[in-house]
Amino acid sequence: MGTPDVITRYQRSSAEQDFDALVACFTEDATVVDEGRTYHGRDEIRGWRDEVAAKYTFTSTVLDTKQTSDDTYAVTTQLRGDFPGGEATLTSVFTLIDGLISRLANA
């Protein structure tokens, strides 16, 4: 089994900065954990992505995707941009429910 469609849509929407499409990848009550902060629900998730876009410009390249359980996937991505350090490897853990992202944790 390959990468679930919703994760591919999330990645494409992120790269294109289409945050309406990105937010539509999440359940209504989804949670995102990023840089030590937690965002609940689609409105806060939209605010998180708007904030990231306002602070940084970056590109991402998916290095690996692993299914870690029936509904959880770990995606390793190489980021390059104008953030501190300029380059980073990020592992995003996606938990899916009914074809949508219910939780995303970036480490």
N, C-alpha and C. Protein backbone atom coordinates (compact mmCIF):
# COMPACT_ATOMS: atom_id res chain seq x y z
N MET A 1 0.84 -1.19 0.00
CA MET A 1 0.00 0.00 0.00
C MET A 1 0.87 1.24 0.00
N GLY A 2 0.53 2.21 -0.83
CA GLY A 2 1.29 3.44 -0.92
C GLY A 2 0.81 4.48 0.08
N THR A 3 1.23 5.69 -0.17
CA THR A 3 0.83 6.81 0.68
C THR A 3 -0.66 7.08 0.49
N PRO A 4 -1.41 7.20 1.58
CA PRO A 4 -2.83 7.50 1.45
C PRO A 4 -3.07 8.82 0.72
N ASP A 5 -4.14 8.87 -0.04
CA ASP A 5 -4.48 10.04 -0.84
C ASP A 5 -4.54 11.32 -0.01
N VAL A 6 -5.09 11.27 1.18
CA VAL A 6 -5.23 12.48 1.98
C VAL A 6 -3.87 13.05 2.37
N ILE A 7 -2.87 12.20 2.60
CA ILE A 7 -1.53 12.70 2.91
C ILE A 7 -0.91 13.34 1.68
N THR A 8 -1.10 12.72 0.52
CA THR A 8 -0.61 13.30 -0.73
C THR A 8 -1.27 14.66 -0.99
N ARG A 9 -2.58 14.75 -0.75
CA ARG A 9 -3.29 16.03 -0.93
C ARG A 9 -2.78 17.08 0.06
N TYR A 10 -2.53 16.68 1.29
CA TYR A 10 -1.98 17.58 2.30
C TYR A 10 -0.64 18.13 1.83
N GLN A 11 0.25 17.25 1.38
CA GLN A 11 1.58 17.67 0.94
C GLN A 11 1.50 18.61 -0.27
N ARG A 12 0.64 18.27 -1.22
CA ARG A 12 0.49 19.12 -2.41
C ARG A 12 -0.08 20.48 -2.03
N SER A 13 -1.10 20.49 -1.19
CA SER A 13 -1.71 21.75 -0.75
C SER A 13 -0.72 22.61 0.01
N SER A 14 0.11 21.98 0.83
CA SER A 14 1.13 22.70 1.57
C SER A 14 2.14 23.34 0.61
N ALA A 15 2.62 22.57 -0.34
CA ALA A 15 3.60 23.08 -1.30
C ALA A 15 3.03 24.24 -2.13
N GLU A 16 1.76 24.14 -2.47
CA GLU A 16 1.10 25.17 -3.28
C GLU A 16 0.55 26.32 -2.43
N GLN A 17 0.69 26.23 -1.12
CA GLN A 17 0.13 27.19 -0.17
C GLN A 17 -1.36 27.40 -0.40
N ASP A 18 -2.05 26.32 -0.72
CA ASP A 18 -3.51 26.33 -0.86
C ASP A 18 -4.08 25.85 0.48
N PHE A 19 -4.19 26.79 1.42
CA PHE A 19 -4.53 26.40 2.78
C PHE A 19 -6.00 26.03 2.95
N ASP A 20 -6.88 26.45 2.05
CA ASP A 20 -8.25 25.96 2.10
C ASP A 20 -8.27 24.46 1.81
N ALA A 21 -7.55 24.06 0.77
CA ALA A 21 -7.47 22.63 0.44
C ALA A 21 -6.75 21.86 1.53
N LEU A 22 -5.71 22.45 2.12
CA LEU A 22 -4.97 21.79 3.18
C LEU A 22 -5.87 21.53 4.38
N VAL A 23 -6.60 22.54 4.82
CA VAL A 23 -7.47 22.40 5.99
C VAL A 23 -8.56 21.36 5.73
N ALA A 24 -9.02 21.25 4.49
CA ALA A 24 -10.05 20.27 4.14
C ALA A 24 -9.55 18.83 4.29
N CYS A 25 -8.25 18.63 4.43
CA CYS A 25 -7.69 17.30 4.64
C CYS A 25 -7.89 16.81 6.07
N PHE A 26 -8.29 17.69 6.98
CA PHE A 26 -8.40 17.38 8.39
C PHE A 26 -9.85 17.15 8.81
N THR A 27 -10.03 16.34 9.85
CA THR A 27 -11.35 16.21 10.47
C THR A 27 -11.67 17.53 11.16
N GLU A 28 -12.95 17.76 11.45
CA GLU A 28 -13.37 19.00 12.12
C GLU A 28 -12.65 19.21 13.45
N ASP A 29 -12.39 18.13 14.18
CA ASP A 29 -11.81 18.23 15.52
C ASP A 29 -10.34 17.77 15.56
N ALA A 30 -9.66 17.87 14.44
CA ALA A 30 -8.27 17.41 14.34
C ALA A 30 -7.36 18.19 15.28
N THR A 31 -6.21 17.58 15.54
CA THR A 31 -5.17 18.19 16.36
C THR A 31 -3.86 18.18 15.58
N VAL A 32 -3.12 19.30 15.66
CA VAL A 32 -1.78 19.38 15.10
C VAL A 32 -0.83 19.78 16.22
N VAL A 33 0.30 19.08 16.32
CA VAL A 33 1.35 19.43 17.26
C VAL A 33 2.59 19.78 16.43
N ASP A 34 3.07 21.02 16.60
CA ASP A 34 4.21 21.50 15.81
C ASP A 34 5.00 22.51 16.65
N GLU A 35 6.32 22.34 16.69
CA GLU A 35 7.21 23.24 17.42
C GLU A 35 6.73 23.49 18.84
N GLY A 36 6.28 22.42 19.52
CA GLY A 36 5.88 22.52 20.91
C GLY A 36 4.52 23.13 21.17
N ARG A 37 3.78 23.46 20.12
CA ARG A 37 2.45 24.04 20.27
C ARG A 37 1.40 23.09 19.71
N THR A 38 0.20 23.14 20.28
CA THR A 38 -0.89 22.28 19.86
C THR A 38 -2.03 23.14 19.32
N TYR A 39 -2.57 22.72 18.18
CA TYR A 39 -3.66 23.42 17.51
C TYR A 39 -4.84 22.46 17.40
N HIS A 40 -6.02 22.93 17.77
CA HIS A 40 -7.22 22.09 17.76
C HIS A 40 -8.24 22.65 16.78
N GLY A 41 -8.75 21.79 15.93
CA GLY A 41 -9.81 22.19 15.00
C GLY A 41 -9.29 22.90 13.76
N ARG A 42 -10.13 22.94 12.76
CA ARG A 42 -9.72 23.48 11.47
C ARG A 42 -9.34 24.96 11.51
N ASP A 43 -10.03 25.76 12.33
CA ASP A 43 -9.70 27.19 12.39
C ASP A 43 -8.29 27.41 12.93
N GLU A 44 -7.95 26.72 14.02
CA GLU A 44 -6.60 26.87 14.58
C GLU A 44 -5.54 26.30 13.63
N ILE A 45 -5.87 25.20 12.95
CA ILE A 45 -4.93 24.62 11.99
C ILE A 45 -4.68 25.59 10.85
N ARG A 46 -5.71 26.26 10.38
CA ARG A 46 -5.54 27.28 9.33
C ARG A 46 -4.65 28.41 9.84
N GLY A 47 -4.87 28.86 11.06
CA GLY A 47 -4.03 29.90 11.64
C GLY A 47 -2.58 29.48 11.74
N TRP A 48 -2.34 28.22 12.10
CA TRP A 48 -0.98 27.69 12.18
C TRP A 48 -0.30 27.76 10.82
N ARG A 49 -0.99 27.31 9.77
CA ARG A 49 -0.38 27.32 8.43
C ARG A 49 -0.17 28.75 7.92
N ASP A 50 -1.11 29.64 8.20
CA ASP A 50 -0.93 31.05 7.82
C ASP A 50 0.30 31.64 8.51
N GLU A 51 0.47 31.31 9.79
CA GLU A 51 1.61 31.81 10.57
C GLU A 51 2.93 31.28 10.02
N VAL A 52 2.98 29.99 9.72
CA VAL A 52 4.20 29.40 9.15
C VAL A 52 4.54 30.06 7.81
N ALA A 53 3.54 30.26 6.96
CA ALA A 53 3.76 30.86 5.64
C ALA A 53 4.23 32.31 5.76
N ALA A 54 3.76 33.02 6.78
CA ALA A 54 4.17 34.41 6.97
C ALA A 54 5.61 34.51 7.46
N LYS A 55 6.07 33.49 8.20
CA LYS A 55 7.42 33.52 8.77
C LYS A 55 8.50 32.96 7.85
N TYR A 56 8.16 31.90 7.11
CA TYR A 56 9.18 31.15 6.38
C TYR A 56 8.76 30.83 4.95
N THR A 57 9.78 30.75 4.09
CA THR A 57 9.60 30.21 2.75
C THR A 57 10.46 28.95 2.69
N PHE A 58 9.88 27.84 2.24
CA PHE A 58 10.64 26.60 2.21
C PHE A 58 10.09 25.65 1.16
N THR A 59 10.93 24.70 0.80
CA THR A 59 10.51 23.60 -0.07
C THR A 59 10.68 22.32 0.73
N SER A 60 9.91 21.30 0.35
CA SER A 60 10.01 20.02 1.04
C SER A 60 10.10 18.89 0.03
N THR A 61 10.87 17.89 0.40
CA THR A 61 11.02 16.69 -0.40
C THR A 61 10.76 15.49 0.48
N VAL A 62 9.80 14.66 0.11
CA VAL A 62 9.50 13.46 0.90
C VAL A 62 10.61 12.44 0.69
N LEU A 63 11.18 11.99 1.79
CA LEU A 63 12.24 10.99 1.75
C LEU A 63 11.72 9.58 1.96
N ASP A 64 10.67 9.44 2.81
CA ASP A 64 10.20 8.11 3.16
C ASP A 64 8.81 8.20 3.77
N THR A 65 7.99 7.20 3.52
CA THR A 65 6.68 7.07 4.16
C THR A 65 6.56 5.64 4.66
N LYS A 66 6.23 5.50 5.96
CA LYS A 66 6.07 4.17 6.55
C LYS A 66 4.72 4.10 7.26
N GLN A 67 4.00 3.03 7.03
CA GLN A 67 2.78 2.78 7.77
C GLN A 67 3.19 2.15 9.09
N THR A 68 2.83 2.80 10.20
CA THR A 68 3.26 2.31 11.51
C THR A 68 2.16 1.57 12.26
N SER A 69 0.91 1.73 11.82
CA SER A 69 -0.21 0.96 12.33
C SER A 69 -1.32 1.06 11.28
N ASP A 70 -2.48 0.49 11.57
CA ASP A 70 -3.57 0.50 10.59
C ASP A 70 -3.92 1.90 10.13
N ASP A 71 -3.84 2.88 11.03
CA ASP A 71 -4.31 4.22 10.69
C ASP A 71 -3.25 5.30 10.89
N THR A 72 -1.97 4.92 11.05
CA THR A 72 -0.91 5.87 11.32
C THR A 72 0.24 5.70 10.34
N TYR A 73 0.73 6.85 9.86
CA TYR A 73 1.81 6.88 8.88
C TYR A 73 2.86 7.88 9.33
N ALA A 74 4.13 7.51 9.22
CA ALA A 74 5.25 8.41 9.51
C ALA A 74 5.87 8.82 8.18
N VAL A 75 5.91 10.12 7.94
CA VAL A 75 6.46 10.66 6.70
C VAL A 75 7.69 11.49 7.04
N THR A 76 8.83 11.11 6.48
CA THR A 76 10.08 11.85 6.69
C THR A 76 10.30 12.76 5.49
N THR A 77 10.53 14.04 5.79
CA THR A 77 10.64 15.07 4.76
C THR A 77 11.90 15.90 4.99
N GLN A 78 12.56 16.26 3.90
CA GLN A 78 13.71 17.18 3.95
C GLN A 78 13.18 18.57 3.63
N LEU A 79 13.41 19.51 4.54
CA LEU A 79 12.99 20.91 4.34
C LEU A 79 14.20 21.77 4.07
N ARG A 80 14.05 22.70 3.13
CA ARG A 80 15.09 23.69 2.84
C ARG A 80 14.40 25.04 2.70
N GLY A 81 14.95 26.04 3.40
CA GLY A 81 14.32 27.35 3.31
C GLY A 81 15.03 28.41 4.13
N ASP A 82 14.28 29.48 4.42
CA ASP A 82 14.86 30.63 5.11
C ASP A 82 14.58 30.60 6.62
N PHE A 83 14.39 29.42 7.18
CA PHE A 83 14.21 29.27 8.63
C PHE A 83 15.59 29.07 9.26
N PRO A 84 15.70 29.21 10.59
CA PRO A 84 17.00 29.03 11.25
C PRO A 84 17.64 27.68 10.89
N GLY A 85 18.88 27.73 10.45
CA GLY A 85 19.59 26.52 10.05
C GLY A 85 19.46 26.22 8.56
N GLY A 86 18.38 26.68 7.94
CA GLY A 86 18.20 26.57 6.50
C GLY A 86 17.85 25.20 5.95
N GLU A 87 18.06 24.15 6.76
CA GLU A 87 17.77 22.79 6.31
C GLU A 87 17.42 21.94 7.52
N ALA A 88 16.44 21.07 7.35
CA ALA A 88 16.03 20.20 8.46
C ALA A 88 15.36 18.95 7.91
N THR A 89 15.46 17.88 8.67
CA THR A 89 14.72 16.66 8.38
C THR A 89 13.60 16.58 9.40
N LEU A 90 12.38 16.43 8.91
CA LEU A 90 11.18 16.44 9.74
C LEU A 90 10.44 15.12 9.58
N THR A 91 10.03 14.54 10.70
CA THR A 91 9.17 13.37 10.65
C THR A 91 7.78 13.80 11.10
N SER A 92 6.80 13.60 10.23
CA SER A 92 5.41 13.94 10.52
C SER A 92 4.64 12.65 10.69
N VAL A 93 3.94 12.53 11.81
CA VAL A 93 3.14 11.34 12.08
C VAL A 93 1.67 11.71 11.88
N PHE A 94 1.07 11.09 10.89
CA PHE A 94 -0.32 11.34 10.53
C PHE A 94 -1.19 10.20 11.06
N THR A 95 -2.26 10.54 11.77
CA THR A 95 -3.26 9.57 12.18
C THR A 95 -4.52 9.86 11.40
N LEU A 96 -5.07 8.85 10.73
CA LEU A 96 -6.21 9.03 9.85
C LEU A 96 -7.47 8.40 10.43
N ILE A 97 -8.60 9.04 10.16
CA ILE A 97 -9.92 8.51 10.48
C ILE A 97 -10.83 8.80 9.29
N ASP A 98 -11.45 7.76 8.77
CA ASP A 98 -12.40 7.91 7.65
C ASP A 98 -11.84 8.74 6.50
N GLY A 99 -10.56 8.50 6.17
CA GLY A 99 -9.95 9.15 5.01
C GLY A 99 -9.50 10.59 5.24
N LEU A 100 -9.55 11.07 6.48
CA LEU A 100 -9.09 12.42 6.79
C LEU A 100 -8.05 12.34 7.90
N ILE A 101 -7.27 13.41 8.05
CA ILE A 101 -6.24 13.49 9.10
C ILE A 101 -6.92 13.92 10.41
N SER A 102 -6.78 13.07 11.44
CA SER A 102 -7.33 13.43 12.74
C SER A 102 -6.26 13.98 13.67
N ARG A 103 -5.00 13.62 13.39
CA ARG A 103 -3.89 14.12 14.20
C ARG A 103 -2.64 14.16 13.34
N LEU A 104 -1.88 15.24 13.52
CA LEU A 104 -0.59 15.41 12.86
C LEU A 104 0.38 15.89 13.91
N ALA A 105 1.48 15.16 14.09
CA ALA A 105 2.52 15.55 15.02
C ALA A 105 3.84 15.63 14.27
N ASN A 106 4.47 16.80 14.32
CA ASN A 106 5.75 17.02 13.66
C ASN A 106 6.87 16.94 14.68
N ALA A 107 7.92 16.18 14.32
CA ALA A 107 9.08 16.06 15.22
C ALA A 107 10.36 16.20 14.44
